[in-house]
PDB file of N, CA and C in Angstrom:
ATOM      1  N   UNK A   1     -73.492-110.352  88.823  1.00  0.00           N
ATOM      2  CA  UNK A   1     -72.818-109.901  89.819  1.00  0.00           C
ATOM      3  C   UNK A   1     -71.470-110.220  90.424  1.00  0.00           C
ATOM      4  N   UNK A   2     -70.772-110.876  89.658  1.00  0.00           N
ATOM      5  CA  UNK A   2     -69.409-111.562  90.672  1.00  0.00           C
ATOM      6  C   UNK A   2     -68.383-110.289  91.364  1.00  0.00           C
ATOM      7  N   UNK A   3     -67.847-109.157  90.882  1.00  0.00           N
ATOM      8  CA  UNK A   3     -67.283-108.516  91.018  1.00  0.00           C
ATOM      9  C   UNK A   3     -67.537-108.307  92.512  1.00  0.00           C
ATOM     10  N   UNK A   4     -66.674-108.379  93.409  1.00  0.00           N
ATOM     11  CA  UNK A   4     -66.476-107.655  94.834  1.00  0.00           C
ATOM     12  C   UNK A   4     -66.372-106.031  94.914  1.00  0.00           C
ATOM     13  N   UNK A   5     -65.846-105.404  93.795  1.00  0.00           N
ATOM     14  CA  UNK A   5     -65.832-103.992  93.484  1.00  0.00           C
ATOM     15  C   UNK A   5     -66.970-103.137  93.762  1.00  0.00           C
ATOM     16  N   UNK A   6     -67.618-102.360  94.531  1.00  0.00           N
ATOM     17  CA  UNK A   6     -69.076-102.143  94.698  1.00  0.00           C
ATOM     18  C   UNK A   6     -69.371-100.992  93.214  1.00  0.00           C
ATOM     19  N   UNK A   7     -68.027-100.234  92.831  1.00  0.00           N
ATOM     20  CA  UNK A   7     -68.181 -99.462  91.668  1.00  0.00           C
ATOM     21  C   UNK A   7     -68.486-100.513  90.601  1.00  0.00           C
ATOM     22  N   UNK A   8     -67.771-101.456  90.274  1.00  0.00           N
ATOM     23  CA  UNK A   8     -68.034-102.184  89.256  1.00  0.00           C
ATOM     24  C   UNK A   8     -69.199-103.110  89.779  1.00  0.00           C
ATOM     25  N   UNK A   9     -70.225-103.010  90.228  1.00  0.00           N
ATOM     26  CA  UNK A   9     -71.026-103.822  90.458  1.00  0.00           C
ATOM     27  C   UNK A   9     -72.096-102.710  90.188  1.00  0.00           C
ATOM     28  N   UNK A  10     -71.991-101.591  90.717  1.00  0.00           N
ATOM     29  CA  UNK A  10     -73.004-100.397  90.684  1.00  0.00           C
ATOM     30  C   UNK A  10     -73.006-100.105  88.645  1.00  0.00           C
ATOM     31  N   UNK A  11     -71.692-100.215  88.170  1.00  0.00           N
ATOM     32  CA  UNK A  11     -71.452 -99.649  86.747  1.00  0.00           C
ATOM     33  C   UNK A  11     -72.099-100.951  86.007  1.00  0.00           C
ATOM     34  N   UNK A  12     -71.989-102.248  86.464  1.00  0.00           N
ATOM     35  CA  UNK A  12     -72.827-103.209  85.566  1.00  0.00           C
ATOM     36  C   UNK A  12     -74.358-102.969  85.496  1.00  0.00           C
ATOM     37  N   UNK A  13     -74.595-102.893  86.669  1.00  0.00           N
ATOM     38  CA  UNK A  13     -76.357-102.672  86.824  1.00  0.00           C
ATOM     39  C   UNK A  13     -76.858-101.910  86.126  1.00  0.00           C
ATOM     40  N   UNK A  14     -75.920-100.427  85.842  1.00  0.00           N
ATOM     41  CA  UNK A  14     -76.513 -99.293  85.417  1.00  0.00           C
ATOM     42  C   UNK A  14     -76.225 -99.792  83.770  1.00  0.00           C
ATOM     43  N   UNK A  15     -75.218-100.312  83.427  1.00  0.00           N
ATOM     44  CA  UNK A  15     -74.981-100.682  81.960  1.00  0.00           C
ATOM     45  C   UNK A  15     -75.796-101.941  81.238  1.00  0.00           C
ATOM     46  N   UNK A  16     -76.371-102.195  82.380  1.00  0.00           N
ATOM     47  CA  UNK A  16     -77.696-103.278  81.900  1.00  0.00           C
ATOM     48  C   UNK A  16     -78.798-102.619  81.360  1.00  0.00           C
ATOM     49  N   UNK A  17     -78.865-101.414  82.092  1.00  0.00           N
ATOM     50  CA  UNK A  17     -80.282-100.629  81.818  1.00  0.00           C
ATOM     51  C   UNK A  17     -80.210-100.064  80.059  1.00  0.00           C
ATOM     52  N   UNK A  18     -79.068 -99.989  79.404  1.00  0.00           N
ATOM     53  CA  UNK A  18     -78.537 -99.146  78.263  1.00  0.00           C
ATOM     54  C   UNK A  18     -79.139-100.189  77.142  1.00  0.00           C
ATOM     55  N   UNK A  19     -79.963 -99.791  76.062  1.00  0.00           N
ATOM     56  CA  UNK A  19     -80.636-101.078  75.105  1.00  0.00           C
ATOM     57  C   UNK A  19     -79.436-101.267  74.445  1.00  0.00           C
ATOM     58  N   UNK A  20     -79.654-102.746  74.139  1.00  0.00           N
ATOM     59  CA  UNK A  20     -78.675-103.391  73.515  1.00  0.00           C
ATOM     60  C   UNK A  20     -78.173-102.612  72.040  1.00  0.00           C
ATOM     61  N   UNK A  21     -79.241-102.194  71.564  1.00  0.00           N
ATOM     62  CA  UNK A  21     -78.992-101.302  70.080  1.00  0.00           C
ATOM     63  C   UNK A  21     -77.989-100.056  70.306  1.00  0.00           C
ATOM     64  N   UNK A  22     -77.562-100.176  71.701  1.00  0.00           N
ATOM     65  CA  UNK A  22     -76.656 -98.706  72.127  1.00  0.00           C
ATOM     66  C   UNK A  22     -75.290 -99.400  72.290  1.00  0.00           C
ATOM     67  N   UNK A  23     -74.975-100.817  72.086  1.00  0.00           N
ATOM     68  CA  UNK A  23     -74.209-101.622  72.830  1.00  0.00           C
ATOM     69  C   UNK A  23     -72.802-100.793  72.477  1.00  0.00           C
ATOM     70  N   UNK A  24     -72.482-100.088  71.488  1.00  0.00           N
ATOM     71  CA  UNK A  24     -71.363 -99.342  71.034  1.00  0.00           C
ATOM     72  C   UNK A  24     -70.758 -98.322  72.211  1.00  0.00           C
ATOM     73  N   UNK A  25     -71.843 -98.093  72.783  1.00  0.00           N
ATOM     74  CA  UNK A  25     -71.466 -96.879  73.708  1.00  0.00           C
ATOM     75  C   UNK A  25     -71.574 -97.354  75.137  1.00  0.00           C
ATOM     76  N   UNK A  26     -71.699 -98.676  75.388  1.00  0.00           N
ATOM     77  CA  UNK A  26     -71.654 -99.447  76.447  1.00  0.00           C
ATOM     78  C   UNK A  26     -70.284 -99.095  77.183  1.00  0.00           C
ATOM     79  N   UNK A  27     -69.313 -99.427  76.763  1.00  0.00           N
ATOM     80  CA  UNK A  27     -67.784 -99.701  77.060  1.00  0.00           C
ATOM     81  C   UNK A  27     -67.067 -97.897  77.597  1.00  0.00           C
ATOM     82  N   UNK A  28     -67.581 -97.169  76.764  1.00  0.00           N
ATOM     83  CA  UNK A  28     -67.451 -95.775  76.949  1.00  0.00           C
ATOM     84  C   UNK A  28     -68.516 -95.393  78.239  1.00  0.00           C
ATOM     85  N   UNK A  29     -69.527 -95.522  78.307  1.00  0.00           N
ATOM     86  CA  UNK A  29     -70.403 -95.163  79.205  1.00  0.00           C
ATOM     87  C   UNK A  29     -69.970 -95.731  80.727  1.00  0.00           C
ATOM     88  N   UNK A  30     -69.602 -97.221  80.725  1.00  0.00           N
ATOM     89  CA  UNK A  30     -68.863 -98.158  81.910  1.00  0.00           C
ATOM     90  C   UNK A  30     -67.794 -97.117  82.531  1.00  0.00           C
ATOM     91  N   UNK A  31     -66.808 -96.998  81.487  1.00  0.00           N
ATOM     92  CA  UNK A  31     -65.529 -95.989  81.759  1.00  0.00           C
ATOM     93  C   UNK A  31     -66.035 -94.999  82.705  1.00  0.00           C
ATOM     94  N   UNK A  32     -66.606 -94.242  82.107  1.00  0.00           N
ATOM     95  CA  UNK A  32     -67.358 -92.553  82.256  1.00  0.00           C
ATOM     96  C   UNK A  32     -68.238 -92.563  83.768  1.00  0.00           C
ATOM     97  N   UNK A  33     -68.957 -93.431  83.947  1.00  0.00           N
ATOM     98  CA  UNK A  33     -69.439 -93.792  85.030  1.00  0.00           C
ATOM     99  C   UNK A  33     -68.695 -94.149  86.140  1.00  0.00           C
ATOM    100  N   UNK A  34     -67.876 -94.899  86.049  1.00  0.00           N
ATOM    101  CA  UNK A  34     -67.283 -95.696  87.259  1.00  0.00           C
ATOM    102  C   UNK A  34     -66.364 -94.623  87.503  1.00  0.00           C
ATOM    103  N   UNK A  35     -65.581 -93.481  86.518  1.00  0.00           N
ATOM    104  CA  UNK A  35     -65.159 -92.282  87.264  1.00  0.00           C
ATOM    105  C   UNK A  35     -65.563 -91.417  87.825  1.00  0.00           C
ATOM    106  N   UNK A  36     -67.191 -91.267  87.295  1.00  0.00           N
ATOM    107  CA  UNK A  36     -68.010 -90.353  88.122  1.00  0.00           C
ATOM    108  C   UNK A  36     -68.221 -90.793  89.257  1.00  0.00           C
ATOM    109  N   UNK A  37     -68.480 -92.199  89.412  1.00  0.00           N
ATOM    110  CA  UNK A  37     -68.284 -92.348  90.839  1.00  0.00           C
ATOM    111  C   UNK A  37     -67.873 -92.335  91.919  1.00  0.00           C
ATOM    112  N   UNK A  38     -66.512 -92.591  91.167  1.00  0.00           N
ATOM    113  CA  UNK A  38     -65.275 -92.616  92.347  1.00  0.00           C
ATOM    114  C   UNK A  38     -64.772 -91.387  92.857  1.00  0.00           C
ATOM    115  N   UNK A  39     -64.843 -90.174  91.554  1.00  0.00           N
ATOM    116  CA  UNK A  39     -64.708 -89.179  91.510  1.00  0.00           C
ATOM    117  C   UNK A  39     -65.918 -88.277  92.610  1.00  0.00           C
ATOM    118  N   UNK A  40     -66.926 -88.661  92.428  1.00  0.00           N
ATOM    119  CA  UNK A  40     -68.078 -88.087  93.595  1.00  0.00           C
ATOM    120  C   UNK A  40     -67.928 -88.681  94.981  1.00  0.00           C
ATOM    121  N   UNK A  41     -67.520 -89.822  95.001  1.00  0.00           N
ATOM    122  CA  UNK A  41     -67.665 -90.541  96.402  1.00  0.00           C
ATOM    123  C   UNK A  41     -66.369 -89.858  97.126  1.00  0.00           C
ATOM    124  N   UNK A  42     -64.878 -89.745  96.291  1.00  0.00           N
ATOM    125  CA  UNK A  42     -63.760 -89.329  96.860  1.00  0.00           C
ATOM    126  C   UNK A  42     -64.096 -88.054  97.412  1.00  0.00           C
ATOM    127  N   UNK A  43     -64.914 -87.188  96.910  1.00  0.00           N
ATOM    128  CA  UNK A  43     -65.107 -85.630  97.205  1.00  0.00           C
ATOM    129  C   UNK A  43     -65.795 -85.682  98.201  1.00  0.00           C
ATOM    130  N   UNK A  44     -66.655 -86.862  98.639  1.00  0.00           N
ATOM    131  CA  UNK A  44     -67.337 -86.667  99.883  1.00  0.00           C
ATOM    132  C   UNK A  44     -66.598 -86.861 101.169  1.00  0.00           C
ATOM    133  N   UNK A  45     -65.181 -86.990 100.887  1.00  0.00           N
ATOM    134  CA  UNK A  45     -64.135 -87.078 102.253  1.00  0.00           C
ATOM    135  C   UNK A  45     -64.940 -88.578 103.096  1.00  0.00           C
ATOM    136  N   UNK A  46     -65.270 -89.735 102.664  1.00  0.00           N
ATOM    137  CA  UNK A  46     -65.943 -90.867 103.047  1.00  0.00           C
ATOM    138  C   UNK A  46     -64.667 -91.485 103.832  1.00  0.00           C
ATOM    139  N   UNK A  47     -64.893 -92.499 104.921  1.00  0.00           N
ATOM    140  CA  UNK A  47     -63.964 -93.307 105.200  1.00  0.00           C
ATOM    141  C   UNK A  47     -64.109 -94.774 105.161  1.00  0.00           C
ATOM    142  N   UNK A  48     -63.160 -95.665 105.253  1.00  0.00           N
ATOM    143  CA  UNK A  48     -63.386 -96.812 104.569  1.00  0.00           C
ATOM    144  C   UNK A  48     -63.876 -97.518 105.936  1.00  0.00           C
ATOM    145  N   UNK A  49     -64.534 -98.718 105.967  1.00  0.00           N
ATOM    146  CA  UNK A  49     -65.011 -99.542 106.846  1.00  0.00           C
ATOM    147  C   UNK A  49     -64.069 -99.869 107.781  1.00  0.00           C
ATOM    148  N   UNK A  50     -62.910-100.329 107.504  1.00  0.00           N
ATOM    149  CA  UNK A  50     -61.653-100.482 108.688  1.00  0.00           C
ATOM    150  C   UNK A  50     -61.540 -99.324 109.295  1.00  0.00           C
ATOM    151  N   UNK A  51     -61.414 -97.962 108.799  1.00  0.00           N
ATOM    152  CA  UNK A  51     -61.097 -96.967 109.216  1.00  0.00           C
ATOM    153  C   UNK A  51     -62.103 -96.529 110.780  1.00  0.00           C
ATOM    154  N   UNK A  52     -63.587 -96.636 110.229  1.00  0.00           N
ATOM    155  CA  UNK A  52     -64.656 -96.633 110.976  1.00  0.00           C
ATOM    156  C   UNK A  52     -64.673 -98.118 111.966  1.00  0.00           C
ATOM    157  N   UNK A  53     -64.306 -98.998 111.617  1.00  0.00           N
ATOM    158  CA  UNK A  53     -63.926-100.007 112.730  1.00  0.00           C
ATOM    159  C   UNK A  53     -62.751 -99.682 114.101  1.00  0.00           C
ATOM    160  N   UNK A  54     -61.620 -99.175 113.379  1.00  0.00           N
ATOM    161  CA  UNK A  54     -60.729 -98.699 114.273  1.00  0.00           C
ATOM    162  C   UNK A  54     -61.106 -97.345 115.342  1.00  0.00           C
ATOM    163  N   UNK A  55     -61.794 -96.554 114.546  1.00  0.00           N
ATOM    164  CA  UNK A  55     -62.211 -95.466 115.118  1.00  0.00           C
ATOM    165  C   UNK A  55     -63.144 -95.890 116.295  1.00  0.00           C
ATOM    166  N   UNK A  56     -64.306 -96.672 116.329  1.00  0.00           N
ATOM    167  CA  UNK A  56     -64.946 -97.205 116.922  1.00  0.00           C
ATOM    168  C   UNK A  56     -64.512 -97.945 118.167  1.00  0.00           C
ATOM    169  N   UNK A  57     -63.501 -98.681 117.928  1.00  0.00           N
ATOM    170  CA  UNK A  57     -62.955 -99.025 119.071  1.00  0.00           C
ATOM    171  C   UNK A  57     -61.826 -98.418 119.803  1.00  0.00           C
ATOM    172  N   UNK A  58     -61.395 -97.457 119.305  1.00  0.00           N
ATOM    173  CA  UNK A  58     -60.811 -96.346 119.939  1.00  0.00           C
ATOM    174  C   UNK A  58     -61.535 -95.624 120.991  1.00  0.00           C
ATOM    175  N   UNK A  59     -62.963 -95.397 120.183  1.00  0.00           N
ATOM    176  CA  UNK A  59     -63.886 -94.263 121.059  1.00  0.00           C
ATOM    177  C   UNK A  59     -64.517 -95.541 121.770  1.00  0.00           C
ATOM    178  N   UNK A  60     -64.773 -96.649 122.176  1.00  0.00           N
ATOM    179  CA  UNK A  60     -65.082 -97.653 123.017  1.00  0.00           C
ATOM    180  C   UNK A  60     -64.208 -97.809 124.130  1.00  0.00           C
ATOM    181  N   UNK A  61     -62.892 -97.983 123.567  1.00  0.00           N
ATOM    182  CA  UNK A  61     -61.696 -97.601 124.918  1.00  0.00           C
ATOM    183  C   UNK A  61     -62.197 -96.565 125.678  1.00  0.00           C
ATOM    184  N   UNK A  62     -61.740 -95.527 124.924  1.00  0.00           N
ATOM    185  CA  UNK A  62     -61.980 -94.084 125.695  1.00  0.00           C
ATOM    186  C   UNK A  62     -63.108 -93.969 126.563  1.00  0.00           C
ATOM    187  N   UNK A  63     -64.271 -94.447 126.072  1.00  0.00           N
ATOM    188  CA  UNK A  63     -65.406 -94.259 127.077  1.00  0.00           C
ATOM    189  C   UNK A  63     -65.608 -95.106 128.127  1.00  0.00           C
ATOM    190  N   UNK A  64     -64.596 -96.414 128.004  1.00  0.00           N
ATOM    191  CA  UNK A  64     -64.532 -97.403 129.178  1.00  0.00           C
ATOM    192  C   UNK A  64     -63.649 -96.603 129.946  1.00  0.00           C
ATOM    193  N   UNK A  65     -62.475 -95.940 129.939  1.00  0.00           N
ATOM    194  CA  UNK A  65     -61.985 -95.220 130.563  1.00  0.00           C
ATOM    195  C   UNK A  65     -62.278 -93.775 131.461  1.00  0.00           C
ATOM    196  N   UNK A  66     -63.063 -93.423 130.607  1.00  0.00           N
ATOM    197  CA  UNK A  66     -64.102 -91.982 131.295  1.00  0.00           C
ATOM    198  C   UNK A  66     -64.696 -92.676 132.167  1.00  0.00           C
ATOM    199  N   UNK A  67     -65.605 -93.787 131.807  1.00  0.00           N
ATOM    200  CA  UNK A  67     -66.348 -94.111 132.966  1.00  0.00           C
ATOM    201  C   UNK A  67     -65.797 -94.530 134.268  1.00  0.00           C
ATOM    202  N   UNK A  68     -64.458 -95.568 133.960  1.00  0.00           N
ATOM    203  CA  UNK A  68     -63.914 -95.805 135.318  1.00  0.00           C
ATOM    204  C   UNK A  68     -62.828 -94.419 136.082  1.00  0.00           C
ATOM    205  N   UNK A  69     -62.819 -93.249 135.439  1.00  0.00           N
ATOM    206  CA  UNK A  69     -62.266 -92.124 135.804  1.00  0.00           C
ATOM    207  C   UNK A  69     -63.466 -91.627 137.035  1.00  0.00           C
ATOM    208  N   UNK A  70     -64.520 -91.466 135.968  1.00  0.00           N
ATOM    209  CA  UNK A  70     -65.722 -90.979 136.649  1.00  0.00           C
ATOM    210  C   UNK A  70     -66.040 -91.707 138.253  1.00  0.00           C
ATOM    211  N   UNK A  71     -66.207 -93.059 137.983  1.00  0.00           N
ATOM    212  CA  UNK A  71     -66.179 -93.842 138.915  1.00  0.00           C
ATOM    213  C   UNK A  71     -65.080 -93.364 140.039  1.00  0.00           C
ATOM    214  N   UNK A  72     -64.243 -93.368 139.885  1.00  0.00           N
ATOM    215  CA  UNK A  72     -62.931 -92.747 140.946  1.00  0.00           C
ATOM    216  C   UNK A  72     -63.048 -91.792 141.232  1.00  0.00           C
ATOM    217  N   UNK A  73     -63.421 -90.639 140.400  1.00  0.00           N
ATOM    218  CA  UNK A  73     -63.638 -89.346 141.225  1.00  0.00           C
ATOM    219  C   UNK A  73     -65.112 -89.257 142.241  1.00  0.00           C
ATOM    220  N   UNK A  74     -66.091 -89.978 141.885  1.00  0.00           N
ATOM    221  CA  UNK A  74     -67.160 -90.335 142.363  1.00  0.00           C
ATOM    222  C   UNK A  74     -66.507 -90.960 144.344  1.00  0.00           C
ATOM    223  N   UNK A  75     -65.518 -91.825 143.940  1.00  0.00           N
ATOM    224  CA  UNK A  75     -65.545 -92.504 145.016  1.00  0.00           C
ATOM    225  C   UNK A  75     -64.639 -91.205 145.887  1.00  0.00           C
ATOM    226  N   UNK A  76     -63.849 -90.705 145.086  1.00  0.00           N
ATOM    227  CA  UNK A  76     -62.358 -89.704 145.816  1.00  0.00           C
ATOM    228  C   UNK A  76     -63.797 -88.753 146.848  1.00  0.00           C
ATOM    229  N   UNK A  77     -64.413 -88.144 146.067  1.00  0.00           N
ATOM    230  CA  UNK A  77     -65.473 -87.074 146.459  1.00  0.00           C
ATOM    231  C   UNK A  77     -66.191 -87.845 147.975  1.00  0.00           C
ATOM    232  N   UNK A  78     -66.692 -88.588 148.013  1.00  0.00           N
ATOM    233  CA  UNK A  78     -67.549 -89.297 148.833  1.00  0.00           C
ATOM    234  C   UNK A  78     -66.693 -89.324 150.270  1.00  0.00           C
ATOM    235  N   UNK A  79     -65.153 -90.230 149.803  1.00  0.00           N
ATOM    236  CA  UNK A  79     -63.970 -90.139 150.874  1.00  0.00           C
ATOM    237  C   UNK A  79     -63.712 -88.757 151.651  1.00  0.00           C
ATOM    238  N   UNK A  80     -63.695 -87.474 150.523  1.00  0.00           N
ATOM    239  CA  UNK A  80     -63.537 -86.293 151.226  1.00  0.00           C
ATOM    240  C   UNK A  80     -64.660 -85.805 151.970  1.00  0.00           C
ATOM    241  N   UNK A  81     -65.897 -85.804 151.622  1.00  0.00           N
ATOM    242  CA  UNK A  81     -67.283 -85.909 152.061  1.00  0.00           C
ATOM    243  C   UNK A  81     -67.169 -86.377 153.737  1.00  0.00           C
ATOM    244  N   UNK A  82     -66.756 -87.847 153.575  1.00  0.00           N
ATOM    245  CA  UNK A  82     -67.065 -88.501 155.068  1.00  0.00           C
ATOM    246  C   UNK A  82     -65.618 -88.028 156.108  1.00  0.00           C
ATOM    247  N   UNK A  83     -64.776 -87.799 155.424  1.00  0.00           N
ATOM    248  CA  UNK A  83     -63.221 -87.148 156.269  1.00  0.00           C
ATOM    249  C   UNK A  83     -63.764 -85.832 156.712  1.00  0.00           C
ATOM    250  N   UNK A  84     -64.467 -85.063 156.052  1.00  0.00           N
ATOM    251  CA  UNK A  84     -65.122 -83.766 156.599  1.00  0.00           C
ATOM    252  C   UNK A  84     -66.410 -83.909 157.419  1.00  0.00           C
ATOM    253  N   UNK A  85     -66.943 -84.755 157.485  1.00  0.00           N
ATOM    254  CA  UNK A  85     -68.118 -84.805 158.572  1.00  0.00           C
ATOM    255  C   UNK A  85     -67.672 -85.290 159.900  1.00  0.00           C
TER     256      UNK A  85
END
């Protein structure tokens, strides 16, 4: 499995399961199974690893900002309480 494309790898793995006597059908099968796999995965509305990593970084940055703001609000609340007392 030297191919980097996971669809190609899976197609190759599945096509090896076809008996040698059905070798004529192997090419057709490989084309069809690859199309079915790609179509099925596209319909699942999946994201790429790159998109996932970008969104994870955005989420981490947002979480850090939120924590900083929560700390700032707590400090301001303490300041207000101490001035009221």
